[in-house]
């Protein structure tokens, strides 16, 4: 088979930490197989270029300094600013007089589907990238069926109370936990429109690379409205470590603190990176519950999210716990002192917990986290869902998750099923299939 030398692959992630990190890991895998990956990000994301041999190019996003980088600001940037600058970049890379080193493919996070139109304009092959669990894709893909069956309205609002099965034989999800039901009514309608548009565009793709383990896609590849070849190539967190993939500086001092703790004694708490996760009142409630519980803990809590802490709290817990702005999460989870992970159930965090064989206390907040939580609690039974942050909630949740003697065995089996040699070989075979396809 004749291959182009060092063919360029442009990768366009949705500009959030949980999307950029797996895209960088995918880029690293492509690089190790002789391709030339270039990751495209908006200006407001600051990642050191050329880390690990991966080129990172920033393009103007139109977001002014001091403007919140929320869903709506990012959507405006993706629709009104970034396409023009991405077009110029594609022209530069694809028509630079070096035919053997042109752009062979553009890999687009489905939440950044605006880039698909640009690639199509230049006749470049496009692959979709889904950074989350495939079950979430199937749920969102079933929007036409939900509309037809009177489950949701034309604006995505549930028409009755109750739950829905994610798919046949799979966990159930409360209708109020559908991925687009975030914020007020106007925000929910806007997000629903975003998803329906995204799904429509994605159905034109030839490939969909999914950051999940092969068994999750087993027997469901033909149950979507997607015409693409579905290729589970993950979980990407197990393949390699990317230097400086985080948007924020990690506080490694927590590792030294962990070294001084008893095995399986520490609660690790992190609700991800996207938004103020639980609000001031819940921050305060959890803070007080942790003190009353008298168990050691590490809590990832950015400075802007600490308004809920009472005055003098950091001094009060200095011997019991440690609060950091950002942590080297995989190193923390793999530390023998950590016994339990209180998590928002983001997909990357879920996979890292399984990789590290840690039990989970689940408090999903938004988006796909409710789907992930349903699998963690109902299907895999490797965690317990919490409904609040009072002392009783935390104490009972910990007792349930830590006293389940069979949970360790279930986590070990799931670890092998998702990240063992057989699963990893199948995932790599799917990635190899894709790389061969685009090089033909």
Protein backbone atom coordinates (compact mmCIF):
# COMPACT_ATOMS: atom_id res chain seq x y z
CA UNK A 1 0.00 0.00 0.00
CA UNK A 2 1.40 3.38 -1.01
CA UNK A 3 1.23 5.92 1.82
CA UNK A 4 1.76 9.64 1.83
CA UNK A 5 4.84 10.67 3.72
CA UNK A 6 4.07 12.25 7.12
CA UNK A 7 0.54 13.10 6.05
CA UNK A 8 -0.99 15.93 8.05
CA UNK A 9 -4.05 15.20 10.17
CA UNK A 10 -5.85 18.22 11.60
CA UNK A 11 -7.62 17.56 14.90
CA UNK A 12 -10.34 19.94 16.10
CA UNK A 13 -11.48 19.36 19.70
CA UNK A 14 -14.34 21.09 21.45
CA UNK A 15 -12.51 23.66 23.61
CA UNK A 16 -12.96 22.16 27.08
CA UNK A 17 -10.48 20.19 29.19
CA UNK A 18 -12.40 16.91 28.99
CA UNK A 19 -12.40 17.14 25.19
CA UNK A 20 -8.92 18.50 24.52
CA UNK A 21 -7.13 15.90 26.67
CA UNK A 22 -8.37 12.79 24.79
CA UNK A 23 -7.81 14.57 21.47
CA UNK A 24 -4.18 15.20 22.43
CA UNK A 25 -3.81 11.54 23.35
CA UNK A 26 -5.26 10.54 19.99
CA UNK A 27 -2.82 12.92 18.30
CA UNK A 28 0.06 11.26 20.12
CA UNK A 29 -1.05 7.84 18.89
CA UNK A 30 -1.28 9.11 15.32
CA UNK A 31 2.20 10.61 15.63
CA UNK A 32 3.61 7.29 16.82
CA UNK A 33 2.21 5.68 13.66
CA UNK A 34 3.90 8.03 11.23
CA UNK A 35 1.24 10.68 10.76
CA UNK A 36 1.70 14.40 11.39
CA UNK A 37 -1.07 15.53 13.78
CA UNK A 38 -1.86 19.21 14.26
CA UNK A 39 -4.33 20.13 17.00
CA UNK A 40 -6.40 23.27 16.44
CA UNK A 41 -7.57 25.25 19.48
CA UNK A 42 -9.07 28.71 20.05
CA UNK A 43 -6.83 31.46 21.34
CA UNK A 44 -8.23 31.39 24.86
CA UNK A 45 -6.79 27.92 25.47
CA UNK A 46 -3.15 28.07 26.46
CA UNK A 47 -1.24 24.83 25.86
CA UNK A 48 2.47 24.75 25.15
CA UNK A 49 3.00 24.08 21.42
CA UNK A 50 4.99 21.13 20.16
CA UNK A 51 4.73 19.24 23.45
CA UNK A 52 5.45 15.55 22.90
CA UNK A 53 6.09 16.30 19.22
CA UNK A 54 2.48 17.38 18.64
CA UNK A 55 1.89 20.68 16.88
CA UNK A 56 -0.75 22.88 18.51
CA UNK A 57 -2.07 25.85 16.55
CA UNK A 58 -4.34 28.51 18.05
CA UNK A 59 -6.78 30.47 15.90
CA UNK A 60 -8.74 33.64 16.76
CA UNK A 61 -12.00 33.03 18.62
CA UNK A 62 -13.43 36.52 19.06
CA UNK A 63 -13.74 36.06 22.83
CA UNK A 64 -12.56 39.16 24.65
CA UNK A 65 -10.41 38.97 27.76
CA UNK A 66 -12.54 38.78 30.88
CA UNK A 67 -15.51 37.25 29.07
CA UNK A 68 -16.73 33.99 30.65
CA UNK A 69 -15.77 30.97 28.53
CA UNK A 70 -19.19 29.38 28.90
CA UNK A 71 -21.17 27.25 26.46
CA UNK A 72 -22.75 30.23 24.72
CA UNK A 73 -19.52 32.20 24.28
CA UNK A 74 -17.84 29.12 22.84
CA UNK A 75 -20.77 28.38 20.53
CA UNK A 76 -20.61 31.95 19.21
CA UNK A 77 -16.86 31.58 18.64
CA UNK A 78 -17.31 28.29 16.80
CA UNK A 79 -20.10 29.59 14.57
CA UNK A 80 -18.96 33.13 13.82
CA UNK A 81 -15.17 33.43 14.22
CA UNK A 82 -13.27 30.18 14.05
CA UNK A 83 -14.50 28.81 10.65
CA UNK A 84 -12.96 31.69 8.67
CA UNK A 85 -9.58 31.33 10.37
CA UNK A 86 -9.68 27.55 10.10
CA UNK A 87 -10.32 27.86 6.36
CA UNK A 88 -7.21 30.00 6.00
CA UNK A 89 -5.22 27.44 7.97
CA UNK A 90 -6.46 24.53 5.83
CA UNK A 91 -5.52 26.43 2.68
CA UNK A 92 -2.05 27.06 4.06
CA UNK A 93 -1.47 23.43 5.02
CA UNK A 94 -3.18 21.74 2.10
CA UNK A 95 -2.00 23.94 -0.74
CA UNK A 96 1.57 24.76 0.22
CA UNK A 97 3.10 23.21 -2.87
CA UNK A 98 4.02 19.95 -1.14
CA UNK A 99 1.44 17.48 -2.36
CA UNK A 100 3.03 14.58 -0.50
CA UNK A 101 2.59 16.41 2.80
CA UNK A 102 -0.95 17.72 2.41
CA UNK A 103 -3.88 17.27 4.77
CA UNK A 104 -5.05 13.68 4.53
CA UNK A 105 -7.87 13.94 7.07
CA UNK A 106 -9.59 16.23 9.56
CA UNK A 107 -10.72 14.64 12.83
CA UNK A 108 -13.50 16.67 14.41
CA UNK A 109 -15.00 16.42 17.87
CA UNK A 110 -18.72 16.17 17.16
CA UNK A 111 -19.36 19.10 19.49
CA UNK A 112 -17.15 21.15 17.16
CA UNK A 113 -19.07 20.06 14.07
CA UNK A 114 -18.60 23.49 12.48
CA UNK A 115 -15.20 22.23 11.28
CA UNK A 116 -16.85 19.45 9.24
CA UNK A 117 -18.25 22.04 6.85
CA UNK A 118 -14.81 23.56 6.34
CA UNK A 119 -13.22 20.19 5.56
CA UNK A 120 -16.04 19.33 3.15
CA UNK A 121 -15.51 22.64 1.36
CA UNK A 122 -11.95 21.60 0.54
CA UNK A 123 -12.84 17.99 -0.27
CA UNK A 124 -10.81 16.62 2.64
CA UNK A 125 -11.76 13.39 4.36
CA UNK A 126 -13.48 13.91 7.72
CA UNK A 127 -13.74 11.61 10.72
CA UNK A 128 -15.87 12.35 13.75
CA UNK A 129 -14.53 11.97 17.27
CA UNK A 130 -16.78 11.19 20.21
CA UNK A 131 -14.83 11.74 23.46
CA UNK A 132 -17.46 10.19 25.71
CA UNK A 133 -19.29 6.94 26.29
CA UNK A 134 -21.02 5.59 23.18
CA UNK A 135 -24.21 5.10 25.21
CA UNK A 136 -24.50 8.89 25.44
CA UNK A 137 -24.21 9.18 21.67
CA UNK A 138 -26.96 6.59 21.22
CA UNK A 139 -29.19 8.43 23.68
CA UNK A 140 -28.81 11.76 21.87
CA UNK A 141 -29.11 10.02 18.50
CA UNK A 142 -32.52 8.73 19.63
CA UNK A 143 -34.00 12.26 19.79
CA UNK A 144 -36.19 11.58 16.69
CA UNK A 145 -37.63 8.50 18.42
CA UNK A 146 -38.24 10.45 21.64
CA UNK A 147 -40.11 13.08 19.64
CA UNK A 148 -42.13 10.48 17.75
CA UNK A 149 -43.09 8.62 20.93
CA UNK A 150 -44.14 11.74 22.80
CA UNK A 151 -41.36 11.53 25.38
CA UNK A 152 -40.05 15.05 24.74
CA UNK A 153 -41.43 18.19 23.12
CA UNK A 154 -40.13 19.90 19.98
CA UNK A 155 -37.89 21.96 22.26
CA UNK A 156 -36.49 18.91 24.07
CA UNK A 157 -38.46 19.27 27.31
CA UNK A 158 -39.78 16.06 28.95
CA UNK A 159 -43.54 15.68 28.46
CA UNK A 160 -43.98 13.52 31.56
CA UNK A 161 -42.17 12.42 34.68
CA UNK A 162 -40.34 9.13 34.87
CA UNK A 163 -37.35 7.49 33.26
CA UNK A 164 -36.17 6.17 29.94
CA UNK A 165 -34.04 3.15 29.09
CA UNK A 166 -30.78 4.26 27.50
CA UNK A 167 -31.14 1.27 25.17
CA UNK A 168 -32.57 -2.23 25.36
CA UNK A 169 -31.24 -4.05 28.41
CA UNK A 170 -29.25 -1.04 29.59
CA UNK A 171 -29.61 1.29 32.62
CA UNK A 172 -32.47 3.75 32.97
CA UNK A 173 -32.15 7.51 33.10
CA UNK A 174 -34.47 10.04 34.74
CA UNK A 175 -35.97 12.24 32.03
CA UNK A 176 -34.84 15.33 33.95
CA UNK A 177 -31.26 14.11 33.48
CA UNK A 178 -31.21 14.22 29.67
CA UNK A 179 -27.88 15.68 28.49
CA UNK A 180 -29.24 18.98 27.14
CA UNK A 181 -31.29 19.86 30.25
CA UNK A 182 -28.78 22.31 31.74
CA UNK A 183 -29.59 25.77 33.08
CA UNK A 184 -32.79 27.75 32.62
CA UNK A 185 -35.48 27.12 30.01
CA UNK A 186 -33.83 29.26 27.32
CA UNK A 187 -30.47 27.56 27.88
CA UNK A 188 -32.06 24.11 27.63
CA UNK A 189 -33.78 24.96 24.36
CA UNK A 190 -30.54 26.38 22.94
CA UNK A 191 -28.58 23.27 23.92
CA UNK A 192 -31.26 21.01 22.43
CA UNK A 193 -31.00 22.88 19.11
CA UNK A 194 -27.23 22.55 19.29
CA UNK A 195 -27.48 18.78 19.73
CA UNK A 196 -30.06 18.22 16.99
CA UNK A 197 -27.90 20.23 14.57
CA UNK A 198 -24.78 18.32 15.66
CA UNK A 199 -26.45 14.94 15.13
CA UNK A 200 -27.68 15.95 11.68
CA UNK A 201 -24.20 16.99 10.57
CA UNK A 202 -22.59 13.88 12.08
CA UNK A 203 -24.70 11.58 9.91
CA UNK A 204 -22.65 12.63 6.87
CA UNK A 205 -19.43 11.15 8.29
CA UNK A 206 -17.59 8.08 7.05
CA UNK A 207 -15.92 7.23 10.37
CA UNK A 208 -16.74 7.85 14.02
CA UNK A 209 -13.83 7.32 16.41
CA UNK A 210 -15.18 6.70 19.91
CA UNK A 211 -13.17 7.12 23.10
CA UNK A 212 -14.57 3.98 24.66
CA UNK A 213 -13.71 0.31 25.04
CA UNK A 214 -14.70 -2.15 22.28
CA UNK A 215 -17.23 -4.14 24.34
CA UNK A 216 -19.30 -1.00 24.91
CA UNK A 217 -20.01 -0.85 21.18
CA UNK A 218 -20.54 -4.61 20.80
CA UNK A 219 -23.83 -5.45 19.06
CA UNK A 220 -24.93 -1.80 18.92
CA UNK A 221 -23.04 -0.53 15.90
CA UNK A 222 -26.13 -0.84 13.72
CA UNK A 223 -28.60 0.62 16.22
CA UNK A 224 -28.03 4.31 15.42
CA UNK A 225 -29.01 6.65 12.61
CA UNK A 226 -25.32 7.03 11.80
CA UNK A 227 -23.96 5.79 8.48
CA UNK A 228 -20.37 6.01 9.66
CA UNK A 229 -18.10 3.13 10.54
CA UNK A 230 -18.03 3.13 14.36
CA UNK A 231 -14.53 2.51 15.70
CA UNK A 232 -14.05 2.27 19.49
CA UNK A 233 -10.41 3.24 19.98
CA UNK A 234 -10.30 3.84 23.73
CA UNK A 235 -10.22 4.45 26.48
CA UNK A 236 -7.41 6.78 25.42
CA UNK A 237 -6.40 7.59 29.00
CA UNK A 238 -4.67 4.20 29.27
CA UNK A 239 -2.40 4.58 26.27
CA UNK A 240 0.02 7.28 27.31
CA UNK A 241 0.59 10.40 29.36
CA UNK A 242 0.67 13.78 27.65
CA UNK A 243 2.86 16.46 29.21
CA UNK A 244 1.13 19.74 30.00
CA UNK A 245 -2.27 18.62 28.69
CA UNK A 246 -3.97 20.43 31.57
CA UNK A 247 -5.17 24.00 31.17
CA UNK A 248 -4.08 24.66 34.77
CA UNK A 249 -0.96 24.05 36.81
CA UNK A 250 -1.13 20.85 38.84
CA UNK A 251 -0.32 20.98 42.55
CA UNK A 252 1.89 17.94 43.11
CA UNK A 253 2.33 18.70 46.81
CA UNK A 254 -0.76 16.60 47.44
CA UNK A 255 1.24 13.49 46.50
CA UNK A 256 3.67 14.11 49.35
CA UNK A 257 0.70 14.57 51.66
CA UNK A 258 -0.76 11.26 50.48
CA UNK A 259 2.50 9.49 51.30
CA UNK A 260 1.85 10.23 54.97
CA UNK A 261 -1.67 8.77 55.02
CA UNK A 262 -2.93 5.26 55.79
CA UNK A 263 -3.71 2.90 52.91
CA UNK A 264 -7.27 3.27 51.54
CA UNK A 265 -8.09 6.01 54.05
CA UNK A 266 -8.33 9.12 51.86
CA UNK A 267 -11.39 10.47 50.04
CA UNK A 268 -10.42 12.17 46.77
CA UNK A 269 -12.94 14.82 45.69
CA UNK A 270 -13.08 16.45 42.26
CA UNK A 271 -16.01 17.70 40.21
CA UNK A 272 -14.12 18.41 37.01
CA UNK A 273 -13.06 21.54 35.21
CA UNK A 274 -15.95 22.87 33.19
CA UNK A 275 -18.09 25.13 35.39
CA UNK A 276 -18.59 26.08 39.03
CA UNK A 277 -19.73 22.56 39.78
CA UNK A 278 -22.01 22.53 42.79
CA UNK A 279 -22.59 26.09 43.95
CA UNK A 280 -21.64 27.98 47.10
CA UNK A 281 -24.24 26.40 49.41
CA UNK A 282 -23.25 22.85 48.47
CA UNK A 283 -19.56 23.67 48.78
CA UNK A 284 -20.22 24.81 52.34
CA UNK A 285 -22.38 21.76 53.12
CA UNK A 286 -19.73 19.36 51.84
CA UNK A 287 -16.98 21.25 53.66
CA UNK A 288 -18.80 20.95 57.00
CA UNK A 289 -19.66 17.28 56.39
CA UNK A 290 -16.00 16.47 55.71
CA UNK A 291 -14.92 18.06 59.00
CA UNK A 292 -17.62 16.19 60.93
CA UNK A 293 -16.71 12.91 59.23
CA UNK A 294 -13.13 13.19 60.51
CA UNK A 295 -11.66 11.29 57.55
CA UNK A 296 -8.65 12.47 55.52
CA UNK A 297 -9.45 14.01 52.14
CA UNK A 298 -8.02 15.81 49.12
CA UNK A 299 -10.42 18.25 47.50
CA UNK A 300 -9.84 19.86 44.11
CA UNK A 301 -11.45 23.28 44.46
CA UNK A 302 -10.44 26.26 42.33
CA UNK A 303 -9.99 29.59 44.16
CA UNK A 304 -13.09 31.07 42.48
CA UNK A 305 -15.18 28.20 43.84
CA UNK A 306 -14.22 28.66 47.48
CA UNK A 307 -16.73 31.36 48.43
CA UNK A 308 -18.79 28.73 50.22
CA UNK A 309 -16.03 27.92 52.70
CA UNK A 310 -16.39 29.44 56.14
CA UNK A 311 -13.69 31.82 57.35
CA UNK A 312 -10.67 29.94 58.67
CA UNK A 313 -11.72 26.65 57.06
CA UNK A 314 -8.34 25.94 55.44
CA UNK A 315 -6.60 26.33 58.79
CA UNK A 316 -9.21 24.18 60.53
CA UNK A 317 -8.70 21.21 58.18
CA UNK A 318 -4.93 21.57 57.74
CA UNK A 319 -4.21 18.31 59.62
CA UNK A 320 -7.20 16.38 58.26
CA UNK A 321 -7.29 17.34 54.61
CA UNK A 322 -5.77 19.24 51.72
CA UNK A 323 -7.44 21.56 49.23
CA UNK A 324 -5.71 22.18 45.89
CA UNK A 325 -6.66 24.22 42.84
CA UNK A 326 -5.82 21.37 40.44
CA UNK A 327 -4.34 17.94 41.02
CA UNK A 328 -2.32 15.40 39.00
CA UNK A 329 -5.43 13.25 38.99
CA UNK A 330 -4.18 9.92 37.69
CA UNK A 331 -1.26 10.01 40.14
CA UNK A 332 -3.65 10.75 42.99
CA UNK A 333 -6.10 8.02 42.01
CA UNK A 334 -3.35 5.43 41.70
CA UNK A 335 -1.94 6.26 45.14
CA UNK A 336 -2.47 3.48 47.66
CA UNK A 337 -3.73 5.93 50.31
CA UNK A 338 -6.80 6.84 48.24
CA UNK A 339 -9.73 4.57 49.01
CA UNK A 340 -12.66 6.35 47.38
CA UNK A 341 -13.34 8.96 44.71
CA UNK A 342 -16.19 11.48 45.06
CA UNK A 343 -16.72 12.39 41.41
CA UNK A 344 -18.98 14.22 38.97
CA UNK A 345 -18.76 11.14 36.71
CA UNK A 346 -17.11 12.82 33.74
CA UNK A 347 -16.07 10.17 31.23
CA UNK A 348 -12.32 10.73 31.51
CA UNK A 349 -12.55 10.70 35.31
CA UNK A 350 -14.67 7.55 35.23
CA UNK A 351 -12.15 5.74 33.07
CA UNK A 352 -9.26 6.91 35.27
CA UNK A 353 -11.07 5.60 38.34
CA UNK A 354 -11.55 2.21 36.68
CA UNK A 355 -7.92 2.26 35.53
CA UNK A 356 -6.88 2.92 39.15
CA UNK A 357 -9.44 0.44 40.55
CA UNK A 358 -11.07 2.99 42.84
CA UNK A 359 -14.63 2.88 44.18
CA UNK A 360 -16.80 5.88 43.38
CA UNK A 361 -19.23 8.14 45.19
CA UNK A 362 -21.20 9.68 42.35
CA UNK A 363 -22.65 13.16 42.12
CA UNK A 364 -23.37 13.89 38.44
CA UNK A 365 -23.94 17.53 37.59
CA UNK A 366 -24.61 17.98 33.87
CA UNK A 367 -24.48 16.54 30.37
CA UNK A 368 -23.24 12.98 29.88
CA UNK A 369 -22.37 12.59 33.57
CA UNK A 370 -25.83 11.23 34.38
CA UNK A 371 -25.46 8.50 31.74
CA UNK A 372 -22.02 7.57 33.06
CA UNK A 373 -23.40 7.50 36.60
CA UNK A 374 -26.22 5.18 35.54
CA UNK A 375 -23.68 2.66 34.26
CA UNK A 376 -21.41 3.04 37.30
CA UNK A 377 -24.26 2.46 39.75
CA UNK A 378 -26.81 0.27 37.94
CA UNK A 379 -24.87 -1.86 35.46
CA UNK A 380 -21.28 -2.09 36.66
CA UNK A 381 -22.09 -1.64 40.38
CA UNK A 382 -18.75 -0.04 41.20
CA UNK A 383 -20.13 3.06 42.88
CA UNK A 384 -23.01 4.64 44.78
CA UNK A 385 -24.98 7.74 43.81
CA UNK A 386 -25.29 10.57 46.34
CA UNK A 387 -28.26 12.93 46.42
CA UNK A 388 -26.74 15.60 48.66
CA UNK A 389 -23.72 16.72 50.66
CA UNK A 390 -24.93 16.58 54.24
CA UNK A 391 -23.07 14.53 56.83
CA UNK A 392 -25.69 11.77 56.62
CA UNK A 393 -25.42 11.63 52.80
CA UNK A 394 -21.64 11.40 52.90
CA UNK A 395 -21.43 8.96 55.80
CA UNK A 396 -24.04 6.57 54.39
CA UNK A 397 -22.55 6.76 50.90
CA UNK A 398 -19.08 5.92 52.19
CA UNK A 399 -20.37 3.00 54.24
CA UNK A 400 -22.24 1.56 51.28
CA UNK A 401 -19.32 1.87 48.88
CA UNK A 402 -16.53 0.79 51.24
CA UNK A 403 -18.33 -2.12 52.92
CA UNK A 404 -19.33 -3.81 49.67
CA UNK A 405 -16.80 -6.64 49.78
CA UNK A 406 -17.55 -7.74 46.21
CA UNK A 407 -17.07 -4.29 44.68
CA UNK A 408 -13.29 -4.69 44.39
CA UNK A 409 -13.78 -7.85 42.32
CA UNK A 410 -16.28 -6.09 40.04
CA UNK A 411 -13.88 -3.19 39.51
CA UNK A 412 -11.03 -5.59 38.73
CA UNK A 413 -13.15 -7.44 36.16
CA UNK A 414 -14.27 -4.17 34.57
CA UNK A 415 -10.68 -2.96 34.49
CA UNK A 416 -9.69 -6.07 32.56
CA UNK A 417 -12.69 -5.83 30.22
CA UNK A 418 -12.02 -2.19 29.37
CA UNK A 419 -8.24 -1.91 29.56
CA UNK A 420 -6.78 -5.40 29.54
CA UNK A 421 -4.62 -6.81 26.75
CA UNK A 422 -7.54 -8.13 24.70
CA UNK A 423 -9.49 -4.87 24.86
CA UNK A 424 -6.40 -2.78 24.12
CA UNK A 425 -5.52 -4.95 21.12
CA UNK A 426 -9.03 -4.60 19.70
CA UNK A 427 -8.98 -0.82 20.19
CA UNK A 428 -5.61 -0.55 18.48
CA UNK A 429 -6.85 -2.72 15.62
CA UNK A 430 -9.74 -0.29 15.08
CA UNK A 431 -7.36 2.67 15.07
CA UNK A 432 -5.10 0.86 12.60
CA UNK A 433 -8.11 0.21 10.36
CA UNK A 434 -8.86 3.91 10.34
CA UNK A 435 -5.26 4.92 9.61
CA UNK A 436 -5.08 2.49 6.70
CA UNK A 437 -8.39 3.77 5.31
CA UNK A 438 -7.34 7.41 5.24
CA UNK A 439 -3.97 6.63 3.67
CA UNK A 440 -5.38 4.77 0.68
